N, C-alpha and C. Protein backbone atom coordinates (compact mmCIF):
# COMPACT_ATOMS: atom_id res chain seq x y z
N MET A 1 123.83 92.27 111.04
CA MET A 1 123.34 91.52 109.80
C MET A 1 122.35 91.53 110.77
N TYR A 2 121.44 92.28 108.99
CA TYR A 2 120.24 91.91 108.48
C TYR A 2 119.52 90.74 107.52
N PHE A 3 118.36 90.23 107.68
CA PHE A 3 118.63 89.13 106.33
C PHE A 3 117.06 89.18 106.03
N ALA A 4 116.88 89.41 105.51
CA ALA A 4 114.96 89.89 105.10
C ALA A 4 114.77 89.18 104.60
N GLY A 5 115.12 87.45 104.56
CA GLY A 5 114.49 86.41 103.60
C GLY A 5 113.68 87.41 102.40
N ASP A 6 112.47 86.72 102.42
CA ASP A 6 111.46 86.28 101.83
C ASP A 6 110.74 87.67 102.14
N THR A 7 110.84 88.63 101.88
CA THR A 7 110.41 89.90 102.57
C THR A 7 109.71 90.86 101.76
N MET A 8 108.61 91.64 101.93
CA MET A 8 107.61 92.94 100.29
C MET A 8 108.46 94.07 102.15
N LEU A 9 108.17 94.96 100.92
CA LEU A 9 109.20 96.50 101.32
C LEU A 9 107.51 96.98 102.24
N ILE A 10 107.88 97.62 103.04
CA ILE A 10 106.87 98.51 104.13
C ILE A 10 107.53 99.39 104.54
N LEU A 11 106.95 100.33 104.33
CA LEU A 11 107.95 101.66 105.35
C LEU A 11 109.31 101.33 106.44
N GLU A 12 108.06 100.37 107.35
CA GLU A 12 108.31 99.08 108.75
C GLU A 12 109.48 99.36 109.26
N LEU A 13 110.01 99.15 108.10
CA LEU A 13 111.46 98.30 107.99
C LEU A 13 113.05 99.39 107.90
N GLY A 14 112.22 100.49 107.98
CA GLY A 14 113.17 102.29 107.80
C GLY A 14 112.76 102.26 108.87
N GLU A 15 112.61 101.68 110.21
CA GLU A 15 112.78 101.79 111.77
C GLU A 15 113.62 100.58 112.14
N ILE A 16 114.30 99.66 110.73
CA ILE A 16 115.19 98.81 111.32
C ILE A 16 116.77 99.63 111.92
N PRO A 17 116.64 100.34 111.88
CA PRO A 17 118.26 100.87 112.52
C PRO A 17 117.82 102.20 113.15
N GLU A 18 116.44 102.32 113.91
CA GLU A 18 116.10 103.32 115.21
C GLU A 18 116.05 102.42 115.89
N ARG A 19 116.21 101.16 116.00
CA ARG A 19 115.62 99.96 116.74
C ARG A 19 116.34 99.19 116.92
N LEU A 20 117.96 99.10 116.16
CA LEU A 20 118.77 98.44 115.87
C LEU A 20 119.94 98.68 116.19
N GLY A 21 120.51 99.76 115.77
CA GLY A 21 121.52 99.85 115.61
C GLY A 21 122.24 100.24 113.97
N ASN A 22 123.51 100.45 114.25
CA ASN A 22 124.20 100.34 112.89
C ASN A 22 124.65 99.01 112.17
N ILE A 23 123.65 98.68 110.84
CA ILE A 23 123.80 97.39 110.20
C ILE A 23 125.07 97.06 109.16
N SER A 24 125.89 96.03 109.40
CA SER A 24 127.02 95.63 109.31
C SER A 24 127.06 95.26 107.26
N LEU A 25 125.53 94.23 107.40
CA LEU A 25 125.07 94.72 106.29
C LEU A 25 124.36 93.59 106.17
N ALA A 26 123.56 93.80 104.66
CA ALA A 26 122.20 93.44 104.90
C ALA A 26 121.65 92.77 103.60
N LEU A 27 121.29 91.93 103.85
CA LEU A 27 120.91 90.54 102.73
C LEU A 27 119.82 90.56 101.95
N LEU A 28 119.41 90.77 100.92
CA LEU A 28 117.97 91.41 100.41
C LEU A 28 117.64 90.55 99.24
N PRO A 29 116.47 90.15 99.01
CA PRO A 29 116.40 89.46 97.84
C PRO A 29 115.81 89.99 96.44
N THR A 30 116.08 89.84 95.96
CA THR A 30 115.57 90.84 94.36
C THR A 30 114.82 90.27 93.49
N ASN A 31 113.89 88.88 93.76
CA ASN A 31 113.04 88.48 93.10
C ASN A 31 112.02 88.81 92.09
N GLY A 32 111.47 89.44 93.20
CA GLY A 32 110.06 89.73 93.08
C GLY A 32 108.85 88.96 92.18
N LEU A 33 109.70 88.18 93.15
CA LEU A 33 108.67 86.99 93.62
C LEU A 33 107.04 87.40 92.81
N HIS A 34 106.11 86.42 92.49
CA HIS A 34 104.69 86.33 92.19
C HIS A 34 104.33 85.45 92.00
N ILE A 35 102.92 85.13 92.86
CA ILE A 35 102.83 83.17 93.14
C ILE A 35 101.39 84.42 92.31
N LYS A 36 101.42 82.57 91.14
CA LYS A 36 100.34 82.77 89.87
C LYS A 36 99.24 81.77 90.07
N PRO A 37 98.91 80.88 91.37
CA PRO A 37 97.60 81.03 92.01
C PRO A 37 97.05 81.69 92.82
N ALA A 38 98.28 82.67 93.51
CA ALA A 38 97.26 84.09 94.13
C ALA A 38 97.24 85.06 93.19
N GLY A 39 96.62 85.23 91.76
CA GLY A 39 96.11 85.96 91.10
C GLY A 39 97.67 87.34 90.71
N ASN A 40 98.91 86.27 90.40
CA ASN A 40 99.79 86.57 89.92
C ASN A 40 99.91 87.88 90.99
N MET A 41 100.23 87.88 92.65
CA MET A 41 100.39 88.53 93.88
C MET A 41 101.93 88.11 93.12
N GLN A 42 102.72 89.49 93.91
CA GLN A 42 104.01 90.37 93.52
C GLN A 42 103.92 90.17 95.29
N VAL A 43 105.13 88.49 96.34
CA VAL A 43 105.84 88.54 97.36
C VAL A 43 106.49 88.74 97.75
N VAL A 44 107.56 89.17 96.73
CA VAL A 44 109.13 89.34 97.41
C VAL A 44 109.20 90.39 96.58
N MET A 45 109.84 91.71 97.38
CA MET A 45 110.75 92.57 97.37
C MET A 45 111.93 93.16 95.16
N ASN A 46 111.47 93.37 94.82
CA ASN A 46 112.47 93.24 93.08
C ASN A 46 113.06 94.18 93.61
N ALA A 47 113.98 94.37 92.50
CA ALA A 47 115.28 95.55 92.96
C ALA A 47 115.30 96.59 93.10
N GLN A 48 114.35 97.36 92.69
CA GLN A 48 113.66 98.75 92.86
C GLN A 48 113.49 98.68 93.75
N GLU A 49 112.54 97.60 94.99
CA GLU A 49 112.15 97.34 96.29
C GLU A 49 113.95 97.75 96.87
N ALA A 50 114.99 95.96 97.12
CA ALA A 50 116.09 96.32 97.22
C ALA A 50 116.72 97.45 97.59
N ALA A 51 115.79 97.83 96.38
CA ALA A 51 116.93 99.33 96.54
C ALA A 51 117.17 100.31 97.04
N GLU A 52 115.60 100.98 97.80
CA GLU A 52 115.48 101.31 98.20
C GLU A 52 115.21 100.99 99.89
N LEU A 53 114.93 100.10 100.56
CA LEU A 53 115.19 99.73 102.11
C LEU A 53 116.76 99.82 102.19
N THR A 54 117.87 99.95 100.99
CA THR A 54 118.96 99.83 101.30
C THR A 54 119.36 101.23 101.52
N ALA A 55 118.35 102.50 100.70
CA ALA A 55 119.07 103.24 101.22
C ALA A 55 118.56 104.21 103.18
N MET A 56 117.00 103.07 102.87
CA MET A 56 116.68 103.03 104.14
C MET A 56 117.95 102.66 104.81
N LEU A 57 117.54 101.64 105.19
CA LEU A 57 118.81 100.95 106.01
C LEU A 57 119.98 101.72 106.06
N LYS A 58 120.48 101.42 105.24
CA LYS A 58 121.98 102.40 105.58
C LYS A 58 122.72 101.29 106.13
N PRO A 59 122.74 100.07 104.96
CA PRO A 59 123.85 99.43 105.67
C PRO A 59 125.68 99.69 104.71
N GLU A 60 126.72 98.97 105.68
CA GLU A 60 127.92 98.54 105.79
C GLU A 60 128.11 98.14 103.79
N LEU A 61 127.42 97.25 104.52
CA LEU A 61 127.36 96.39 102.02
C LEU A 61 126.15 95.67 102.00
N ALA A 62 125.33 95.25 101.70
CA ALA A 62 123.60 95.44 100.76
C ALA A 62 124.55 94.52 99.83
N VAL A 63 124.05 92.71 100.16
CA VAL A 63 124.00 91.64 99.14
C VAL A 63 122.32 91.90 98.54
N ALA A 64 122.15 91.48 97.50
CA ALA A 64 121.43 91.29 96.15
C ALA A 64 121.25 89.60 96.63
N GLY A 65 120.74 89.39 96.69
CA GLY A 65 119.52 87.39 96.09
C GLY A 65 118.67 87.28 96.03
N GLY A 66 118.06 85.95 95.08
CA GLY A 66 117.01 85.24 95.22
C GLY A 66 117.06 84.74 93.89
N ARG A 67 116.01 84.20 93.54
CA ARG A 67 116.12 84.04 91.97
C ARG A 67 114.42 83.11 92.00
N ALA A 68 113.27 83.09 90.98
CA ALA A 68 112.06 83.10 91.19
C ALA A 68 112.35 81.78 90.50
N LEU A 69 111.12 80.77 90.84
CA LEU A 69 111.06 79.63 90.81
C LEU A 69 109.74 79.12 89.07
N GLU A 70 109.93 80.45 88.54
CA GLU A 70 109.63 80.48 87.29
C GLU A 70 108.43 79.26 86.88
N GLY A 71 107.48 79.01 86.76
CA GLY A 71 106.85 78.15 86.21
C GLY A 71 106.78 76.15 87.15
N ILE A 72 107.04 77.14 88.59
CA ILE A 72 106.29 75.36 89.32
C ILE A 72 105.87 76.75 90.19
N LEU A 73 105.61 77.73 90.53
CA LEU A 73 104.90 78.08 91.45
C LEU A 73 103.24 78.91 90.13
């Protein structure tokens, strides 16, 4: 199982399968969270980036999750 937490898509994540082997379940964030006080900088991958990571990881099952805290951050 791979739990991405609040992760940005970086190329090094593509190395996970060769380092750890087969991934049965990937839990990936999809909210594309941006932090307003930090110049609206994106700090969590969005759905498109999660799809790209899914293609790199090739898990048996991928589950999308996450929800932006609009108006709070």
